[in-house]
């Protein structure tokens, strides 16, 4: 969990390097949070359409909130592999 918080604290740092574990922990925790938000959305009946890919305010808000940190950790990982 500290790796996830470390990534969020350095959300706009595009310089430096990110280890494989940092990237994978960040992505796995994001997926777990998205699943939990999806379950909450279903329980609260927040979905307005029957389409499988529809998003709620919870899902969309979280996706927007972690967009820049996801890009930053991806760029740092690319630096780590030498590209």
N, C-alpha and C. Protein backbone atom coordinates (compact mmCIF):
# COMPACT_ATOMS: atom_id res chain seq x y z
N UNK A 1 0.82 -1.19 0.00
CA UNK A 1 0.00 0.00 0.00
C UNK A 1 0.87 1.25 0.00
N UNK A 2 2.04 1.19 0.60
CA UNK A 2 2.91 2.36 0.62
C UNK A 2 3.41 2.70 -0.78
N UNK A 3 3.59 1.68 -1.62
CA UNK A 3 4.00 1.93 -3.00
C UNK A 3 2.90 2.65 -3.76
N UNK A 4 1.64 2.29 -3.50
CA UNK A 4 0.51 2.96 -4.14
C UNK A 4 0.45 4.43 -3.72
N UNK A 5 0.60 4.67 -2.42
CA UNK A 5 0.58 6.05 -1.92
C UNK A 5 1.78 6.84 -2.42
N UNK A 6 2.92 6.19 -2.54
CA UNK A 6 4.12 6.84 -3.08
C UNK A 6 3.86 7.28 -4.52
N UNK A 7 3.23 6.44 -5.30
CA UNK A 7 2.93 6.78 -6.69
C UNK A 7 1.95 7.94 -6.75
N UNK A 8 0.96 7.95 -5.88
CA UNK A 8 0.01 9.06 -5.87
C UNK A 8 0.66 10.36 -5.41
N UNK A 9 1.60 10.29 -4.48
CA UNK A 9 2.28 11.50 -4.03
C UNK A 9 3.12 12.11 -5.14
N UNK A 10 3.66 11.27 -5.99
CA UNK A 10 4.48 11.74 -7.12
C UNK A 10 3.67 11.69 -8.41
N UNK A 11 2.43 12.17 -8.32
CA UNK A 11 1.50 12.02 -9.44
C UNK A 11 1.90 12.80 -10.68
N UNK A 12 2.68 13.86 -10.53
CA UNK A 12 3.06 14.66 -11.70
C UNK A 12 4.56 14.60 -11.96
N UNK A 13 5.23 13.61 -11.43
CA UNK A 13 6.67 13.45 -11.64
C UNK A 13 6.88 12.53 -12.83
N UNK A 14 7.35 13.14 -13.91
CA UNK A 14 7.59 12.36 -15.12
C UNK A 14 9.06 12.02 -15.30
N UNK A 15 9.90 12.51 -14.39
CA UNK A 15 11.32 12.19 -14.43
C UNK A 15 11.60 11.11 -13.40
N UNK A 16 12.67 10.40 -13.64
CA UNK A 16 13.03 9.34 -12.71
C UNK A 16 12.61 7.98 -13.25
N UNK A 17 12.62 7.01 -12.37
CA UNK A 17 12.34 5.64 -12.77
C UNK A 17 11.31 5.02 -11.84
N UNK A 18 10.57 4.06 -12.38
CA UNK A 18 9.58 3.31 -11.59
C UNK A 18 9.86 1.82 -11.77
N UNK A 19 9.90 1.12 -10.69
CA UNK A 19 10.15 -0.32 -10.76
C UNK A 19 8.91 -1.06 -11.24
N UNK A 20 9.12 -2.30 -11.64
CA UNK A 20 7.99 -3.12 -12.06
C UNK A 20 6.97 -3.27 -10.95
N UNK A 21 7.46 -3.49 -9.74
CA UNK A 21 6.53 -3.68 -8.62
C UNK A 21 5.70 -2.44 -8.36
N UNK A 22 6.30 -1.25 -8.48
CA UNK A 22 5.55 -0.02 -8.28
C UNK A 22 4.42 0.10 -9.30
N UNK A 23 4.72 -0.19 -10.54
CA UNK A 23 3.71 -0.09 -11.59
C UNK A 23 2.61 -1.12 -11.39
N UNK A 24 2.99 -2.37 -11.14
CA UNK A 24 1.99 -3.42 -10.99
C UNK A 24 1.13 -3.23 -9.75
N UNK A 25 1.72 -2.83 -8.64
CA UNK A 25 0.92 -2.58 -7.43
C UNK A 25 -0.06 -1.45 -7.69
N UNK A 26 0.40 -0.38 -8.34
CA UNK A 26 -0.48 0.74 -8.65
C UNK A 26 -1.65 0.29 -9.53
N UNK A 27 -1.37 -0.47 -10.56
CA UNK A 27 -2.44 -0.92 -11.47
C UNK A 27 -3.39 -1.91 -10.79
N UNK A 28 -2.87 -2.84 -10.01
CA UNK A 28 -3.72 -3.82 -9.34
C UNK A 28 -4.63 -3.16 -8.31
N UNK A 29 -4.08 -2.22 -7.54
CA UNK A 29 -4.91 -1.51 -6.57
C UNK A 29 -5.99 -0.70 -7.28
N UNK A 30 -5.65 -0.09 -8.41
CA UNK A 30 -6.65 0.65 -9.18
C UNK A 30 -7.78 -0.27 -9.66
N UNK A 31 -7.44 -1.45 -10.12
CA UNK A 31 -8.46 -2.41 -10.57
C UNK A 31 -9.34 -2.83 -9.39
N UNK A 32 -8.74 -3.08 -8.25
CA UNK A 32 -9.52 -3.47 -7.07
C UNK A 32 -10.47 -2.35 -6.66
N UNK A 33 -9.98 -1.12 -6.68
CA UNK A 33 -10.84 0.02 -6.35
C UNK A 33 -11.97 0.17 -7.35
N UNK A 34 -11.68 -0.02 -8.64
CA UNK A 34 -12.72 0.06 -9.66
C UNK A 34 -13.78 -1.02 -9.46
N UNK A 35 -13.36 -2.23 -9.08
CA UNK A 35 -14.33 -3.30 -8.82
C UNK A 35 -15.21 -2.94 -7.63
N UNK A 36 -14.60 -2.42 -6.58
CA UNK A 36 -15.38 -2.02 -5.40
C UNK A 36 -16.35 -0.91 -5.76
N UNK A 37 -15.91 0.07 -6.54
CA UNK A 37 -16.81 1.15 -6.96
C UNK A 37 -17.93 0.62 -7.85
N UNK A 38 -17.63 -0.37 -8.67
CA UNK A 38 -18.66 -0.99 -9.50
C UNK A 38 -19.70 -1.70 -8.66
N UNK A 39 -19.26 -2.40 -7.63
CA UNK A 39 -20.19 -3.10 -6.74
C UNK A 39 -21.06 -2.08 -6.00
N UNK A 40 -20.43 -1.00 -5.52
CA UNK A 40 -21.20 0.05 -4.84
C UNK A 40 -22.22 0.67 -5.80
N UNK A 41 -21.81 0.89 -7.04
CA UNK A 41 -22.72 1.49 -8.02
C UNK A 41 -23.91 0.57 -8.30
N UNK A 42 -23.67 -0.73 -8.38
CA UNK A 42 -24.75 -1.69 -8.61
C UNK A 42 -25.68 -1.73 -7.40
N UNK A 43 -25.11 -1.77 -6.21
CA UNK A 43 -25.92 -1.83 -4.99
C UNK A 43 -26.77 -0.57 -4.81
N UNK A 44 -26.23 0.57 -5.23
CA UNK A 44 -26.97 1.83 -5.09
C UNK A 44 -27.83 2.13 -6.31
N UNK A 45 -27.80 1.23 -7.30
CA UNK A 45 -28.58 1.37 -8.53
C UNK A 45 -28.28 2.70 -9.24
N UNK A 46 -26.99 2.97 -9.43
CA UNK A 46 -26.57 4.22 -10.06
C UNK A 46 -26.45 4.12 -11.58
N UNK A 47 -26.49 2.91 -12.11
CA UNK A 47 -26.40 2.76 -13.56
C UNK A 47 -27.71 3.18 -14.20
N UNK A 48 -27.61 3.98 -15.25
CA UNK A 48 -28.81 4.49 -15.89
C UNK A 48 -29.16 3.73 -17.16
N UNK A 49 -28.25 2.92 -17.66
CA UNK A 49 -28.52 2.17 -18.87
C UNK A 49 -28.15 0.71 -18.66
N UNK A 50 -28.60 -0.12 -19.55
CA UNK A 50 -28.35 -1.56 -19.45
C UNK A 50 -27.09 -1.98 -20.20
N UNK A 51 -26.39 -1.03 -20.82
CA UNK A 51 -25.19 -1.39 -21.57
C UNK A 51 -24.07 -1.79 -20.61
N UNK A 52 -23.31 -2.83 -20.95
CA UNK A 52 -22.29 -3.33 -20.04
C UNK A 52 -21.15 -2.35 -19.76
N UNK A 53 -20.84 -1.46 -20.68
CA UNK A 53 -19.70 -0.57 -20.49
C UNK A 53 -20.04 0.79 -19.93
N UNK A 54 -21.24 0.96 -19.41
CA UNK A 54 -21.62 2.28 -18.92
C UNK A 54 -20.90 2.60 -17.61
N UNK A 55 -20.65 3.89 -17.40
CA UNK A 55 -19.94 4.35 -16.19
C UNK A 55 -20.87 5.20 -15.34
N UNK A 56 -20.58 5.22 -14.08
CA UNK A 56 -21.30 6.11 -13.18
C UNK A 56 -20.36 7.25 -12.79
N UNK A 57 -20.87 8.16 -12.00
CA UNK A 57 -20.05 9.26 -11.52
C UNK A 57 -18.90 8.74 -10.66
N UNK A 58 -19.13 7.69 -9.90
CA UNK A 58 -18.06 7.10 -9.08
C UNK A 58 -16.92 6.57 -9.94
N UNK A 59 -17.28 5.76 -10.94
CA UNK A 59 -16.28 5.16 -11.83
C UNK A 59 -15.54 6.24 -12.62
N UNK A 60 -16.30 7.14 -13.20
CA UNK A 60 -15.70 8.19 -14.02
C UNK A 60 -14.83 9.13 -13.21
N UNK A 61 -15.29 9.49 -12.02
CA UNK A 61 -14.51 10.37 -11.17
C UNK A 61 -13.19 9.75 -10.75
N UNK A 62 -13.24 8.47 -10.40
CA UNK A 62 -12.00 7.78 -10.02
C UNK A 62 -11.06 7.67 -11.22
N UNK A 63 -11.61 7.35 -12.39
CA UNK A 63 -10.78 7.23 -13.59
C UNK A 63 -10.09 8.56 -13.92
N UNK A 64 -10.80 9.65 -13.79
CA UNK A 64 -10.21 10.96 -14.05
C UNK A 64 -9.17 11.29 -12.98
N UNK A 65 -9.45 10.93 -11.73
CA UNK A 65 -8.53 11.24 -10.63
C UNK A 65 -7.19 10.52 -10.78
N UNK A 66 -7.18 9.32 -11.34
CA UNK A 66 -5.92 8.57 -11.46
C UNK A 66 -5.35 8.60 -12.87
N UNK A 67 -5.89 9.42 -13.74
CA UNK A 67 -5.39 9.49 -15.11
C UNK A 67 -3.95 10.00 -15.16
N UNK A 68 -3.68 11.15 -14.56
CA UNK A 68 -2.34 11.72 -14.58
C UNK A 68 -1.34 10.83 -13.83
N UNK A 69 -1.67 10.30 -12.63
CA UNK A 69 -0.71 9.39 -11.98
C UNK A 69 -0.42 8.15 -12.82
N UNK A 70 -1.40 7.63 -13.53
CA UNK A 70 -1.18 6.46 -14.38
C UNK A 70 -0.22 6.78 -15.52
N UNK A 71 -0.42 7.93 -16.14
CA UNK A 71 0.48 8.34 -17.22
C UNK A 71 1.88 8.56 -16.67
N UNK A 72 1.98 9.22 -15.51
CA UNK A 72 3.29 9.51 -14.92
C UNK A 72 4.05 8.24 -14.57
N UNK A 73 3.38 7.28 -13.94
CA UNK A 73 4.08 6.04 -13.57
C UNK A 73 4.44 5.24 -14.82
N UNK A 74 3.65 5.33 -15.86
CA UNK A 74 3.98 4.64 -17.11
C UNK A 74 5.21 5.25 -17.76
N UNK A 75 5.29 6.58 -17.76
CA UNK A 75 6.46 7.26 -18.34
C UNK A 75 7.71 6.93 -17.53
N UNK A 76 7.59 6.92 -16.19
CA UNK A 76 8.74 6.57 -15.36
C UNK A 76 9.17 5.13 -15.60
N UNK A 77 8.21 4.24 -15.84
CA UNK A 77 8.57 2.85 -16.14
C UNK A 77 9.30 2.74 -17.47
N UNK A 78 8.86 3.51 -18.45
CA UNK A 78 9.53 3.53 -19.75
C UNK A 78 10.97 4.01 -19.58
N UNK A 79 11.18 5.02 -18.71
CA UNK A 79 12.54 5.48 -18.43
C UNK A 79 13.37 4.37 -17.79
N UNK A 80 12.74 3.58 -16.92
CA UNK A 80 13.46 2.52 -16.22
C UNK A 80 13.94 1.41 -17.15
N UNK A 81 13.18 1.15 -18.21
CA UNK A 81 13.59 0.08 -19.13
C UNK A 81 14.53 0.61 -20.22
N UNK A 82 14.85 1.89 -20.15
CA UNK A 82 15.87 2.44 -21.03
C UNK A 82 15.34 3.08 -22.30
N UNK A 83 14.09 3.36 -22.39
CA UNK A 83 13.55 4.02 -23.59
C UNK A 83 13.26 5.48 -23.33
